[in-house]
Amino acid sequence: MAQPDRSPHQPVETPSEAPQSPAGCLLRLYWMIGGYLIAVLCGVSIVNHHGDFSLVDVIYWLAIIGILAARWVDIKRFSGTRADGQLATMRDWQTHAIVTVVAGIIGWIVIHFVRWQGLW
């Protein structure tokens, strides 16, 4: 039986893989990269340009909260997966949330310590 014409560079879609939603992919990009990038850029901005607490601090925390919300929606609505390809569970979200919040708090404290001490 002849096979349909297919470029050798086209991936073969297995029946167990469902096509992913573009919205789900955008959410994953945000919680994996975008949200952390926003938080880092806010940190740099706080160290370089701002005196006391400002709108940039609020944006920093909104980015952190957005990461947690995006991961939650990814798991609940878009069948988000873990790094090993298995479906993520709410326990995975809880672990991710704890690590992200603790790292966010430590990062925010270090950012303000560096600014207050004039180390940058």
PDB file of N, CA and C in Angstrom:
ATOM      1  N   MET A   1       0.846  -1.163   0.000  1.00  0.00           N
ATOM      2  CA  MET A   1       0.000   0.000   0.000  1.00  0.00           C
ATOM      3  C   MET A   1       0.901   1.238   0.000  1.00  0.00           C
ATOM      4  N   ALA A   2       0.597   2.190  -0.835  1.00  0.00           N
ATOM      5  CA  ALA A   2       1.411   3.400  -0.973  1.00  0.00           C
ATOM      6  C   ALA A   2       1.114   4.360   0.170  1.00  0.00           C
ATOM      7  N   GLN A   3       2.163   5.018   0.621  1.00  0.00           N
ATOM      8  CA  GLN A   3       2.029   6.020   1.672  1.00  0.00           C
ATOM      9  C   GLN A   3       1.779   7.382   1.035  1.00  0.00           C
ATOM     10  N   PRO A   4       1.003   8.249   1.695  1.00  0.00           N
ATOM     11  CA  PRO A   4       0.792   9.589   1.142  1.00  0.00           C
ATOM     12  C   PRO A   4       2.106  10.365   1.130  1.00  0.00           C
ATOM     13  N   ASP A   5       2.189  11.297   0.180  1.00  0.00           N
ATOM     14  CA  ASP A   5       3.401  12.116   0.089  1.00  0.00           C
ATOM     15  C   ASP A   5       3.566  12.927   1.363  1.00  0.00           C
ATOM     16  N   ARG A   6       4.748  12.834   1.912  1.00  0.00           N
ATOM     17  CA  ARG A   6       5.051  13.553   3.139  1.00  0.00           C
ATOM     18  C   ARG A   6       6.522  13.896   3.124  1.00  0.00           C
ATOM     19  N   SER A   7       6.813  15.126   3.481  1.00  0.00           N
ATOM     20  CA  SER A   7       8.192  15.566   3.559  1.00  0.00           C
ATOM     21  C   SER A   7       8.896  14.790   4.672  1.00  0.00           C
ATOM     22  N   PRO A   8      10.160  14.427   4.490  1.00  0.00           N
ATOM     23  CA  PRO A   8      10.846  13.693   5.556  1.00  0.00           C
ATOM     24  C   PRO A   8      11.049  14.525   6.819  1.00  0.00           C
ATOM     25  N   HIS A   9      10.857  15.836   6.712  1.00  0.00           N
ATOM     26  CA  HIS A   9      11.042  16.709   7.874  1.00  0.00           C
ATOM     27  C   HIS A   9       9.748  16.949   8.648  1.00  0.00           C
ATOM     28  N   GLN A  10       8.619  16.482   8.131  1.00  0.00           N
ATOM     29  CA  GLN A  10       7.358  16.660   8.844  1.00  0.00           C
ATOM     30  C   GLN A  10       7.259  15.615   9.949  1.00  0.00           C
ATOM     31  N   PRO A  11       6.918  16.054  11.158  1.00  0.00           N
ATOM     32  CA  PRO A  11       6.774  15.073  12.236  1.00  0.00           C
ATOM     33  C   PRO A  11       5.515  14.232  12.018  1.00  0.00           C
ATOM     34  N   VAL A  12       5.600  13.009  12.431  1.00  0.00           N
ATOM     35  CA  VAL A  12       4.447  12.117  12.354  1.00  0.00           C
ATOM     36  C   VAL A  12       3.658  12.295  13.631  1.00  0.00           C
ATOM     37  N   GLU A  13       2.382  12.609  13.497  1.00  0.00           N
ATOM     38  CA  GLU A  13       1.538  12.805  14.674  1.00  0.00           C
ATOM     39  C   GLU A  13       1.009  11.447  15.100  1.00  0.00           C
ATOM     40  N   THR A  14       1.292  11.095  16.351  1.00  0.00           N
ATOM     41  CA  THR A  14       0.804   9.826  16.855  1.00  0.00           C
ATOM     42  C   THR A  14      -0.639   9.982  17.297  1.00  0.00           C
ATOM     43  N   PRO A  15      -1.408   8.917  17.240  1.00  0.00           N
ATOM     44  CA  PRO A  15      -2.822   9.018  17.622  1.00  0.00           C
ATOM     45  C   PRO A  15      -3.034   9.431  19.065  1.00  0.00           C
ATOM     46  N   SER A  16      -2.075   9.161  19.963  1.00  0.00           N
ATOM     47  CA  SER A  16      -2.267   9.511  21.368  1.00  0.00           C
ATOM     48  C   SER A  16      -2.026  10.998  21.636  1.00  0.00           C
ATOM     49  N   GLU A  17      -1.403  11.714  20.695  1.00  0.00           N
ATOM     50  CA  GLU A  17      -1.151  13.134  20.872  1.00  0.00           C
ATOM     51  C   GLU A  17      -2.293  13.958  20.307  1.00  0.00           C
ATOM     52  N   ALA A  18      -2.964  14.688  21.177  1.00  0.00           N
ATOM     53  CA  ALA A  18      -4.020  15.578  20.712  1.00  0.00           C
ATOM     54  C   ALA A  18      -3.383  16.901  20.303  1.00  0.00           C
ATOM     55  N   PRO A  19      -3.915  17.545  19.275  1.00  0.00           N
ATOM     56  CA  PRO A  19      -3.351  18.845  18.903  1.00  0.00           C
ATOM     57  C   PRO A  19      -3.527  19.843  20.050  1.00  0.00           C
ATOM     58  N   GLN A  20      -2.514  20.685  20.235  1.00  0.00           N
ATOM     59  CA  GLN A  20      -2.557  21.641  21.330  1.00  0.00           C
ATOM     60  C   GLN A  20      -3.186  22.948  20.881  1.00  0.00           C
ATOM     61  N   SER A  21      -3.908  23.552  21.798  1.00  0.00           N
ATOM     62  CA  SER A  21      -4.567  24.825  21.548  1.00  0.00           C
ATOM     63  C   SER A  21      -3.531  25.948  21.520  1.00  0.00           C
ATOM     64  N   PRO A  22      -3.679  26.920  20.609  1.00  0.00           N
ATOM     65  CA  PRO A  22      -2.774  28.077  20.612  1.00  0.00           C
ATOM     66  C   PRO A  22      -2.826  28.847  21.939  1.00  0.00           C
ATOM     67  N   ALA A  23      -4.006  28.938  22.542  1.00  0.00           N
ATOM     68  CA  ALA A  23      -4.126  29.630  23.832  1.00  0.00           C
ATOM     69  C   ALA A  23      -3.330  28.887  24.906  1.00  0.00           C
ATOM     70  N   GLY A  24      -3.383  27.570  24.887  1.00  0.00           N
ATOM     71  CA  GLY A  24      -2.610  26.776  25.842  1.00  0.00           C
ATOM     72  C   GLY A  24      -1.114  26.965  25.656  1.00  0.00           C
ATOM     73  N   CYS A  25      -0.685  27.039  24.405  1.00  0.00           N
ATOM     74  CA  CYS A  25       0.741  27.274  24.122  1.00  0.00           C
ATOM     75  C   CYS A  25       1.176  28.652  24.616  1.00  0.00           C
ATOM     76  N   LEU A  26       0.334  29.671  24.410  1.00  0.00           N
ATOM     77  CA  LEU A  26       0.667  31.018  24.886  1.00  0.00           C
ATOM     78  C   LEU A  26       0.739  31.060  26.412  1.00  0.00           C
ATOM     79  N   LEU A  27      -0.188  30.355  27.070  1.00  0.00           N
ATOM     80  CA  LEU A  27      -0.142  30.283  28.535  1.00  0.00           C
ATOM     81  C   LEU A  27       1.158  29.652  28.997  1.00  0.00           C
ATOM     82  N   ARG A  28       1.556  28.549  28.348  1.00  0.00           N
ATOM     83  CA  ARG A  28       2.798  27.875  28.725  1.00  0.00           C
ATOM     84  C   ARG A  28       3.996  28.781  28.523  1.00  0.00           C
ATOM     85  N   LEU A  29       3.998  29.522  27.422  1.00  0.00           N
ATOM     86  CA  LEU A  29       5.097  30.462  27.188  1.00  0.00           C
ATOM     87  C   LEU A  29       5.157  31.517  28.292  1.00  0.00           C
ATOM     88  N   TYR A  30       3.992  31.978  28.746  1.00  0.00           N
ATOM     89  CA  TYR A  30       3.980  32.988  29.804  1.00  0.00           C
ATOM     90  C   TYR A  30       4.520  32.418  31.106  1.00  0.00           C
ATOM     91  N   TRP A  31       3.981  31.279  31.551  1.00  0.00           N
ATOM     92  CA  TRP A  31       4.404  30.812  32.869  1.00  0.00           C
ATOM     93  C   TRP A  31       5.794  30.199  32.856  1.00  0.00           C
ATOM     94  N   MET A  32       6.269  29.771  31.695  1.00  0.00           N
ATOM     95  CA  MET A  32       7.619  29.214  31.634  1.00  0.00           C
ATOM     96  C   MET A  32       8.690  30.282  31.416  1.00  0.00           C
ATOM     97  N   ILE A  33       8.360  31.329  30.635  1.00  0.00           N
ATOM     98  CA  ILE A  33       9.373  32.313  30.257  1.00  0.00           C
ATOM     99  C   ILE A  33       8.924  33.742  30.553  1.00  0.00           C
ATOM    100  N   GLY A  34       7.807  34.151  29.980  1.00  0.00           N
ATOM    101  CA  GLY A  34       7.378  35.546  30.001  1.00  0.00           C
ATOM    102  C   GLY A  34       7.224  36.143  31.380  1.00  0.00           C
ATOM    103  N   GLY A  35       6.553  35.453  32.267  1.00  0.00           N
ATOM    104  CA  GLY A  35       6.327  35.979  33.614  1.00  0.00           C
ATOM    105  C   GLY A  35       7.620  36.178  34.376  1.00  0.00           C
ATOM    106  N   TYR A  36       8.530  35.210  34.266  1.00  0.00           N
ATOM    107  CA  TYR A  36       9.817  35.340  34.946  1.00  0.00           C
ATOM    108  C   TYR A  36      10.647  36.462  34.330  1.00  0.00           C
ATOM    109  N   LEU A  37      10.574  36.608  33.019  1.00  0.00           N
ATOM    110  CA  LEU A  37      11.295  37.691  32.350  1.00  0.00           C
ATOM    111  C   LEU A  37      10.797  39.055  32.823  1.00  0.00           C
ATOM    112  N   ILE A  38       9.487  39.198  32.938  1.00  0.00           N
ATOM    113  CA  ILE A  38       8.912  40.452  33.443  1.00  0.00           C
ATOM    114  C   ILE A  38       9.410  40.728  34.865  1.00  0.00           C
ATOM    115  N   ALA A  39       9.410  39.698  35.717  1.00  0.00           N
ATOM    116  CA  ALA A  39       9.866  39.876  37.100  1.00  0.00           C
ATOM    117  C   ALA A  39      11.342  40.289  37.147  1.00  0.00           C
ATOM    118  N   VAL A  40      12.175  39.662  36.324  1.00  0.00           N
ATOM    119  CA  VAL A  40      13.603  40.013  36.293  1.00  0.00           C
ATOM    120  C   VAL A  40      13.800  41.444  35.800  1.00  0.00           C
ATOM    121  N   LEU A  41      13.081  41.815  34.742  1.00  0.00           N
ATOM    122  CA  LEU A  41      13.202  43.181  34.228  1.00  0.00           C
ATOM    123  C   LEU A  41      12.724  44.207  35.260  1.00  0.00           C
ATOM    124  N   CYS A  42      11.674  43.871  36.000  1.00  0.00           N
ATOM    125  CA  CYS A  42      11.220  44.762  37.076  1.00  0.00           C
ATOM    126  C   CYS A  42      12.296  44.879  38.150  1.00  0.00           C
ATOM    127  N   GLY A  43      12.934  43.768  38.483  1.00  0.00           N
ATOM    128  CA  GLY A  43      14.001  43.795  39.474  1.00  0.00           C
ATOM    129  C   GLY A  43      15.144  44.698  39.054  1.00  0.00           C
ATOM    130  N   VAL A  44      15.545  44.583  37.798  1.00  0.00           N
ATOM    131  CA  VAL A  44      16.609  45.451  37.283  1.00  0.00           C
ATOM    132  C   VAL A  44      16.173  46.909  37.332  1.00  0.00           C
ATOM    133  N   SER A  45      14.921  47.170  36.968  1.00  0.00           N
ATOM    134  CA  SER A  45      14.404  48.533  36.992  1.00  0.00           C
ATOM    135  C   SER A  45      14.365  49.094  38.410  1.00  0.00           C
ATOM    136  N   ILE A  46      13.964  48.286  39.365  1.00  0.00           N
ATOM    137  CA  ILE A  46      13.911  48.730  40.760  1.00  0.00           C
ATOM    138  C   ILE A  46      15.319  49.102  41.240  1.00  0.00           C
ATOM    139  N   VAL A  47      16.285  48.257  40.945  1.00  0.00           N
ATOM    140  CA  VAL A  47      17.658  48.516  41.379  1.00  0.00           C
ATOM    141  C   VAL A  47      18.213  49.770  40.725  1.00  0.00           C
ATOM    142  N   ASN A  48      17.938  49.970  39.446  1.00  0.00           N
ATOM    143  CA  ASN A  48      18.565  51.057  38.694  1.00  0.00           C
ATOM    144  C   ASN A  48      17.878  52.407  38.807  1.00  0.00           C
ATOM    145  N   HIS A  49      16.560  52.452  38.959  1.00  0.00           N
ATOM    146  CA  HIS A  49      15.875  53.721  38.746  1.00  0.00           C
ATOM    147  C   HIS A  49      14.945  54.196  39.851  1.00  0.00           C
ATOM    148  N   HIS A  50      14.545  53.350  40.733  1.00  0.00           N
ATOM    149  CA  HIS A  50      13.478  53.759  41.639  1.00  0.00           C
ATOM    150  C   HIS A  50      13.966  53.918  43.057  1.00  0.00           C
ATOM    151  N   GLY A  51      13.395  54.888  43.715  1.00  0.00           N
ATOM    152  CA  GLY A  51      13.725  55.144  45.113  1.00  0.00           C
ATOM    153  C   GLY A  51      12.971  54.197  46.009  1.00  0.00           C
ATOM    154  N   ASP A  52      11.845  54.660  46.516  1.00  0.00           N
ATOM    155  CA  ASP A  52      11.035  53.826  47.394  1.00  0.00           C
ATOM    156  C   ASP A  52      10.191  52.858  46.574  1.00  0.00           C
ATOM    157  N   PHE A  53       9.256  52.211  47.245  1.00  0.00           N
ATOM    158  CA  PHE A  53       8.370  51.271  46.576  1.00  0.00           C
ATOM    159  C   PHE A  53       7.553  52.020  45.537  1.00  0.00           C
ATOM    160  N   SER A  54       7.311  51.355  44.415  1.00  0.00           N
ATOM    161  CA  SER A  54       6.670  52.041  43.303  1.00  0.00           C
ATOM    162  C   SER A  54       5.766  51.088  42.529  1.00  0.00           C
ATOM    163  N   LEU A  55       5.270  51.581  41.446  1.00  0.00           N
ATOM    164  CA  LEU A  55       4.437  50.780  40.556  1.00  0.00           C
ATOM    165  C   LEU A  55       5.195  49.570  40.023  1.00  0.00           C
ATOM    166  N   VAL A  56       6.503  49.685  39.881  1.00  0.00           N
ATOM    167  CA  VAL A  56       7.302  48.560  39.379  1.00  0.00           C
ATOM    168  C   VAL A  56       7.252  47.391  40.365  1.00  0.00           C
ATOM    169  N   ASP A  57       7.206  47.684  41.657  1.00  0.00           N
ATOM    170  CA  ASP A  57       7.045  46.618  42.656  1.00  0.00           C
ATOM    171  C   ASP A  57       5.712  45.901  42.466  1.00  0.00           C
ATOM    172  N   VAL A  58       4.683  46.660  42.191  1.00  0.00           N
ATOM    173  CA  VAL A  58       3.355  46.077  41.958  1.00  0.00           C
ATOM    174  C   VAL A  58       3.388  45.195  40.707  1.00  0.00           C
ATOM    175  N   ILE A  59       4.024  45.671  39.645  1.00  0.00           N
ATOM    176  CA  ILE A  59       4.119  44.885  38.410  1.00  0.00           C
ATOM    177  C   ILE A  59       4.902  43.598  38.663  1.00  0.00           C
ATOM    178  N   TYR A  60       5.969  43.684  39.462  1.00  0.00           N
ATOM    179  CA  TYR A  60       6.755  42.499  39.835  1.00  0.00           C
ATOM    180  C   TYR A  60       5.840  41.436  40.446  1.00  0.00           C
ATOM    181  N   TRP A  61       5.042  41.833  41.443  1.00  0.00           N
ATOM    182  CA  TRP A  61       4.173  40.865  42.124  1.00  0.00           C
ATOM    183  C   TRP A  61       3.024  40.407  41.233  1.00  0.00           C
ATOM    184  N   LEU A  62       2.537  41.283  40.367  1.00  0.00           N
ATOM    185  CA  LEU A  62       1.501  40.856  39.417  1.00  0.00           C
ATOM    186  C   LEU A  62       2.051  39.818  38.441  1.00  0.00           C
ATOM    187  N   ALA A  63       3.305  39.967  38.050  1.00  0.00           N
ATOM    188  CA  ALA A  63       3.934  38.973  37.170  1.00  0.00           C
ATOM    189  C   ALA A  63       4.025  37.625  37.883  1.00  0.00           C
ATOM    190  N   ILE A  64       4.411  37.640  39.166  1.00  0.00           N
ATOM    191  CA  ILE A  64       4.505  36.395  39.941  1.00  0.00           C
ATOM    192  C   ILE A  64       3.123  35.752  40.082  1.00  0.00           C
ATOM    193  N   ILE A  65       2.126  36.552  40.423  1.00  0.00           N
ATOM    194  CA  ILE A  65       0.756  36.036  40.545  1.00  0.00           C
ATOM    195  C   ILE A  65       0.267  35.528  39.191  1.00  0.00           C
ATOM    196  N   GLY A  66       0.609  36.235  38.127  1.00  0.00           N
ATOM    197  CA  GLY A  66       0.223  35.813  36.780  1.00  0.00           C
ATOM    198  C   GLY A  66       0.830  34.470  36.398  1.00  0.00           C
ATOM    199  N   ILE A  67       2.060  34.228  36.824  1.00  0.00           N
ATOM    200  CA  ILE A  67       2.698  32.929  36.565  1.00  0.00           C
ATOM    201  C   ILE A  67       1.892  31.819  37.219  1.00  0.00           C
ATOM    202  N   LEU A  68       1.509  32.027  38.477  1.00  0.00           N
ATOM    203  CA  LEU A  68       0.740  31.004  39.206  1.00  0.00           C
ATOM    204  C   LEU A  68      -0.634  30.793  38.576  1.00  0.00           C
ATOM    205  N   ALA A  69      -1.288  31.890  38.199  1.00  0.00           N
ATOM    206  CA  ALA A  69      -2.617  31.777  37.582  1.00  0.00           C
ATOM    207  C   ALA A  69      -2.528  31.088  36.222  1.00  0.00           C
ATOM    208  N   ALA A  70      -1.516  31.436  35.430  1.00  0.00           N
ATOM    209  CA  ALA A  70      -1.368  30.823  34.111  1.00  0.00           C
ATOM    210  C   ALA A  70      -1.101  29.326  34.236  1.00  0.00           C
ATOM    211  N   ARG A  71      -0.275  28.930  35.191  1.00  0.00           N
ATOM    212  CA  ARG A  71       0.004  27.500  35.402  1.00  0.00           C
ATOM    213  C   ARG A  71      -1.259  26.778  35.843  1.00  0.00           C
ATOM    214  N   TRP A  72      -2.043  27.411  36.713  1.00  0.00           N
ATOM    215  CA  TRP A  72      -3.287  26.793  37.182  1.00  0.00           C
ATOM    216  C   TRP A  72      -4.245  26.577  36.008  1.00  0.00           C
ATOM    217  N   VAL A  73      -4.433  27.602  35.187  1.00  0.00           N
ATOM    218  CA  VAL A  73      -5.324  27.485  34.023  1.00  0.00           C
ATOM    219  C   VAL A  73      -4.776  26.453  33.046  1.00  0.00           C
ATOM    220  N   ASP A  74      -3.458  26.420  32.861  1.00  0.00           N
ATOM    221  CA  ASP A  74      -2.838  25.440  31.971  1.00  0.00           C
ATOM    222  C   ASP A  74      -3.173  24.018  32.417  1.00  0.00           C
ATOM    223  N   ILE A  75      -3.090  23.773  33.715  1.00  0.00           N
ATOM    224  CA  ILE A  75      -3.390  22.430  34.232  1.00  0.00           C
ATOM    225  C   ILE A  75      -4.880  22.122  34.153  1.00  0.00           C
ATOM    226  N   LYS A  76      -5.719  23.050  34.597  1.00  0.00           N
ATOM    227  CA  LYS A  76      -7.163  22.797  34.664  1.00  0.00           C
ATOM    228  C   LYS A  76      -7.843  22.781  33.294  1.00  0.00           C
ATOM    229  N   ARG A  77      -7.466  23.691  32.422  1.00  0.00           N
ATOM    230  CA  ARG A  77      -8.210  23.877  31.166  1.00  0.00           C
ATOM    231  C   ARG A  77      -7.524  23.260  29.954  1.00  0.00           C
ATOM    232  N   PHE A  78      -6.175  23.275  29.942  1.00  0.00           N
ATOM    233  CA  PHE A  78      -5.456  22.872  28.741  1.00  0.00           C
ATOM    234  C   PHE A  78      -4.616  21.610  28.926  1.00  0.00           C
ATOM    235  N   SER A  79      -4.893  20.849  29.960  1.00  0.00           N
ATOM    236  CA  SER A  79      -4.190  19.582  30.212  1.00  0.00           C
ATOM    237  C   SER A  79      -2.678  19.766  30.201  1.00  0.00           C
ATOM    238  N   GLY A  80      -2.204  20.731  30.976  1.00  0.00           N
ATOM    239  CA  GLY A  80      -0.776  21.011  31.050  1.00  0.00           C
ATOM    240  C   GLY A  80       0.011  19.789  31.487  1.00  0.00           C
ATOM    241  N   THR A  81       1.254  19.739  31.055  1.00  0.00           N
ATOM    242  CA  THR A  81       2.100  18.598  31.360  1.00  0.00           C
ATOM    243  C   THR A  81       3.308  19.021  32.175  1.00  0.00           C
ATOM    244  N   ARG A  82       3.942  18.018  32.756  1.00  0.00           N
ATOM    245  CA  ARG A  82       5.196  18.219  33.476  1.00  0.00           C
ATOM    246  C   ARG A  82       6.347  18.096  32.489  1.00  0.00           C
ATOM    247  N   ALA A  83       7.558  18.290  32.963  1.00  0.00           N
ATOM    248  CA  ALA A  83       8.734  18.201  32.100  1.00  0.00           C
ATOM    249  C   ALA A  83       8.915  16.794  31.521  1.00  0.00           C
ATOM    250  N   ASP A  84       8.421  15.771  32.233  1.00  0.00           N
ATOM    251  CA  ASP A  84       8.569  14.400  31.746  1.00  0.00           C
ATOM    252  C   ASP A  84       7.445  13.978  30.803  1.00  0.00           C
ATOM    253  N   GLY A  85       6.534  14.905  30.481  1.00  0.00           N
ATOM    254  CA  GLY A  85       5.467  14.621  29.527  1.00  0.00           C
ATOM    255  C   GLY A  85       4.183  14.101  30.151  1.00  0.00           C
ATOM    256  N   GLN A  86       4.200  13.782  31.428  1.00  0.00           N
ATOM    257  CA  GLN A  86       2.999  13.308  32.111  1.00  0.00           C
ATOM    258  C   GLN A  86       2.074  14.489  32.396  1.00  0.00           C
ATOM    259  N   LEU A  87       0.785  14.214  32.516  1.00  0.00           N
ATOM    260  CA  LEU A  87      -0.160  15.277  32.863  1.00  0.00           C
ATOM    261  C   LEU A  87       0.175  15.852  34.234  1.00  0.00           C
ATOM    262  N   ALA A  88       0.157  17.161  34.327  1.00  0.00           N
ATOM    263  CA  ALA A  88       0.416  17.833  35.601  1.00  0.00           C
ATOM    264  C   ALA A  88      -0.804  17.727  36.493  1.00  0.00           C
ATOM    265  N   THR A  89      -0.567  17.667  37.775  1.00  0.00           N
ATOM    266  CA  THR A  89      -1.648  17.582  38.762  1.00  0.00           C
ATOM    267  C   THR A  89      -1.646  18.861  39.599  1.00  0.00           C
ATOM    268  N   MET A  90      -2.651  18.998  40.428  1.00  0.00           N
ATOM    269  CA  MET A  90      -2.696  20.158  41.320  1.00  0.00           C
ATOM    270  C   MET A  90      -1.579  20.085  42.360  1.00  0.00           C
ATOM    271  N   ARG A  91      -1.105  18.909  42.661  1.00  0.00           N
ATOM    272  CA  ARG A  91       0.061  18.794  43.545  1.00  0.00           C
ATOM    273  C   ARG A  91       1.291  19.389  42.860  1.00  0.00           C
ATOM    274  N   ASP A  92       1.432  19.174  41.559  1.00  0.00           N
ATOM    275  CA  ASP A  92       2.526  19.802  40.813  1.00  0.00           C
ATOM    276  C   ASP A  92       2.385  21.321  40.859  1.00  0.00           C
ATOM    277  N   TRP A  93       1.134  21.801  40.706  1.00  0.00           N
ATOM    278  CA  TRP A  93       0.899  23.246  40.776  1.00  0.00           C
ATOM    279  C   TRP A  93       1.276  23.781  42.152  1.00  0.00           C
ATOM    280  N   GLN A  94       0.891  23.050  43.193  1.00  0.00           N
ATOM    281  CA  GLN A  94       1.180  23.494  44.555  1.00  0.00           C
ATOM    282  C   GLN A  94       2.692  23.595  44.779  1.00  0.00           C
ATOM    283  N   THR A  95       3.425  22.612  44.328  1.00  0.00           N
ATOM    284  CA  THR A  95       4.884  22.639  44.453  1.00  0.00           C
ATOM    285  C   THR A  95       5.466  23.824  43.682  1.00  0.00           C
ATOM    286  N   HIS A  96       4.989  24.011  42.447  1.00  0.00           N
ATOM    287  CA  HIS A  96       5.446  25.129  41.614  1.00  0.00           C
ATOM    288  C   HIS A  96       5.108  26.462  42.282  1.00  0.00           C
ATOM    289  N   ALA A  97       3.916  26.568  42.851  1.00  0.00           N
ATOM    290  CA  ALA A  97       3.489  27.805  43.500  1.00  0.00           C
ATOM    291  C   ALA A  97       4.365  28.122  44.707  1.00  0.00           C
ATOM    292  N   ILE A  98       4.653  27.134  45.530  1.00  0.00           N
ATOM    293  CA  ILE A  98       5.478  27.363  46.716  1.00  0.00           C
ATOM    294  C   ILE A  98       6.880  27.813  46.310  1.00  0.00           C
ATOM    295  N   VAL A  99       7.479  27.106  45.355  1.00  0.00           N
ATOM    296  CA  VAL A  99       8.832  27.456  44.909  1.00  0.00           C
ATOM    297  C   VAL A  99       8.847  28.853  44.290  1.00  0.00           C
ATOM    298  N   THR A 100       7.846  29.164  43.464  1.00  0.00           N
ATOM    299  CA  THR A 100       7.798  30.468  42.800  1.00  0.00           C
ATOM    300  C   THR A 100       7.606  31.598  43.801  1.00  0.00           C
ATOM    301  N   VAL A 101       6.716  31.431  44.756  1.00  0.00           N
ATOM    302  CA  VAL A 101       6.474  32.484  45.748  1.00  0.00           C
ATOM    303  C   VAL A 101       7.697  32.673  46.650  1.00  0.00           C
ATOM    304  N   VAL A 102       8.295  31.587  47.120  1.00  0.00           N
ATOM    305  CA  VAL A 102       9.482  31.705  47.970  1.00  0.00           C
ATOM    306  C   VAL A 102      10.619  32.366  47.195  1.00  0.00           C
ATOM    307  N   ALA A 103      10.857  31.946  45.960  1.00  0.00           N
ATOM    308  CA  ALA A 103      11.902  32.559  45.132  1.00  0.00           C
ATOM    309  C   ALA A 103      11.574  34.029  44.854  1.00  0.00           C
ATOM    310  N   GLY A 104      10.289  34.334  44.635  1.00  0.00           N
ATOM    311  CA  GLY A 104       9.875  35.713  44.410  1.00  0.00           C
ATOM    312  C   GLY A 104      10.127  36.598  45.613  1.00  0.00           C
ATOM    313  N   ILE A 105       9.833  36.085  46.806  1.00  0.00           N
ATOM    314  CA  ILE A 105      10.068  36.843  48.039  1.00  0.00           C
ATOM    315  C   ILE A 105      11.567  37.062  48.248  1.00  0.00           C
ATOM    316  N   ILE A 106      12.349  35.997  48.099  1.00  0.00           N
ATOM    317  CA  ILE A 106      13.804  36.120  48.268  1.00  0.00           C
ATOM    318  C   ILE A 106      14.371  37.095  47.237  1.00  0.00           C
ATOM    319  N   GLY A 107      13.932  36.953  45.989  1.00  0.00           N
ATOM    320  CA  GLY A 107      14.400  37.851  44.935  1.00  0.00           C
ATOM    321  C   GLY A 107      14.056  39.294  45.224  1.00  0.00           C
ATOM    322  N   TRP A 108      12.838  39.539  45.678  1.00  0.00           N
ATOM    323  CA  TRP A 108      12.386  40.905  45.966  1.00  0.00           C
ATOM    324  C   TRP A 108      13.185  41.515  47.121  1.00  0.00           C
ATOM    325  N   ILE A 109      13.446  40.698  48.155  1.00  0.00           N
ATOM    326  CA  ILE A 109      14.253  41.175  49.282  1.00  0.00           C
ATOM    327  C   ILE A 109      15.673  41.502  48.827  1.00  0.00           C
ATOM    328  N   VAL A 110      16.267  40.634  48.032  1.00  0.00           N
ATOM    329  CA  VAL A 110      17.630  40.871  47.532  1.00  0.00           C
ATOM    330  C   VAL A 110      17.663  42.122  46.654  1.00  0.00           C
ATOM    331  N   ILE A 111      16.666  42.275  45.790  1.00  0.00           N
ATOM    332  CA  ILE A 111      16.592  43.460  44.919  1.00  0.00           C
ATOM    333  C   ILE A 111      16.601  44.735  45.756  1.00  0.00           C
ATOM    334  N   HIS A 112      15.759  44.784  46.780  1.00  0.00           N
ATOM    335  CA  HIS A 112      15.683  45.992  47.605  1.00  0.00           C
ATOM    336  C   HIS A 112      16.913  46.152  48.490  1.00  0.00           C
ATOM    337  N   PHE A 113      17.491  45.066  48.949  1.00  0.00           N
ATOM    338  CA  PHE A 113      18.730  45.153  49.728  1.00  0.00           C
ATOM    339  C   PHE A 113      19.845  45.762  48.874  1.00  0.00           C
ATOM    340  N   VAL A 114      19.978  45.276  47.655  1.00  0.00           N
ATOM    341  CA  VAL A 114      21.000  45.812  46.744  1.00  0.00           C
ATOM    342  C   VAL A 114      20.757  47.292  46.485  1.00  0.00           C
ATOM    343  N   ARG A 115      19.510  47.672  46.283  1.00  0.00           N
ATOM    344  CA  ARG A 115      19.181  49.079  46.032  1.00  0.00           C
ATOM    345  C   ARG A 115      19.479  49.934  47.258  1.00  0.00           C
ATOM    346  N   TRP A 116      19.053  49.469  48.427  1.00  0.00           N
ATOM    347  CA  TRP A 116      19.252  50.249  49.653  1.00  0.00           C
ATOM    348  C   TRP A 116      20.731  50.389  50.011  1.00  0.00           C
ATOM    349  N   GLN A 117      21.504  49.353  49.734  1.00  0.00           N
ATOM    350  CA  GLN A 117      22.933  49.368  50.069  1.00  0.00           C
ATOM    351  C   GLN A 117      23.765  50.061  48.986  1.00  0.00           C
ATOM    352  N   GLY A 118      23.158  50.325  47.837  1.00  0.00           N
ATOM    353  CA  GLY A 118      23.884  50.956  46.746  1.00  0.00           C
ATOM    354  C   GLY A 118      24.942  50.048  46.151  1.00  0.00           C
ATOM    355  N   LEU A 119      24.696  48.740  46.170  1.00  0.00           N
ATOM    356  CA  LEU A 119      25.682  47.771  45.666  1.00  0.00           C
ATOM    357  C   LEU A 119      25.710  47.676  44.145  1.00  0.00           C
ATOM    358  N   TRP A 120      24.754  48.301  43.496  1.00  0.00           N
ATOM    359  CA  TRP A 120      24.709  48.219  42.030  1.00  0.00           C
ATOM    360  C   TRP A 120      24.891  49.579  41.467  1.00  0.00           C
TER     361      TRP A 120
END
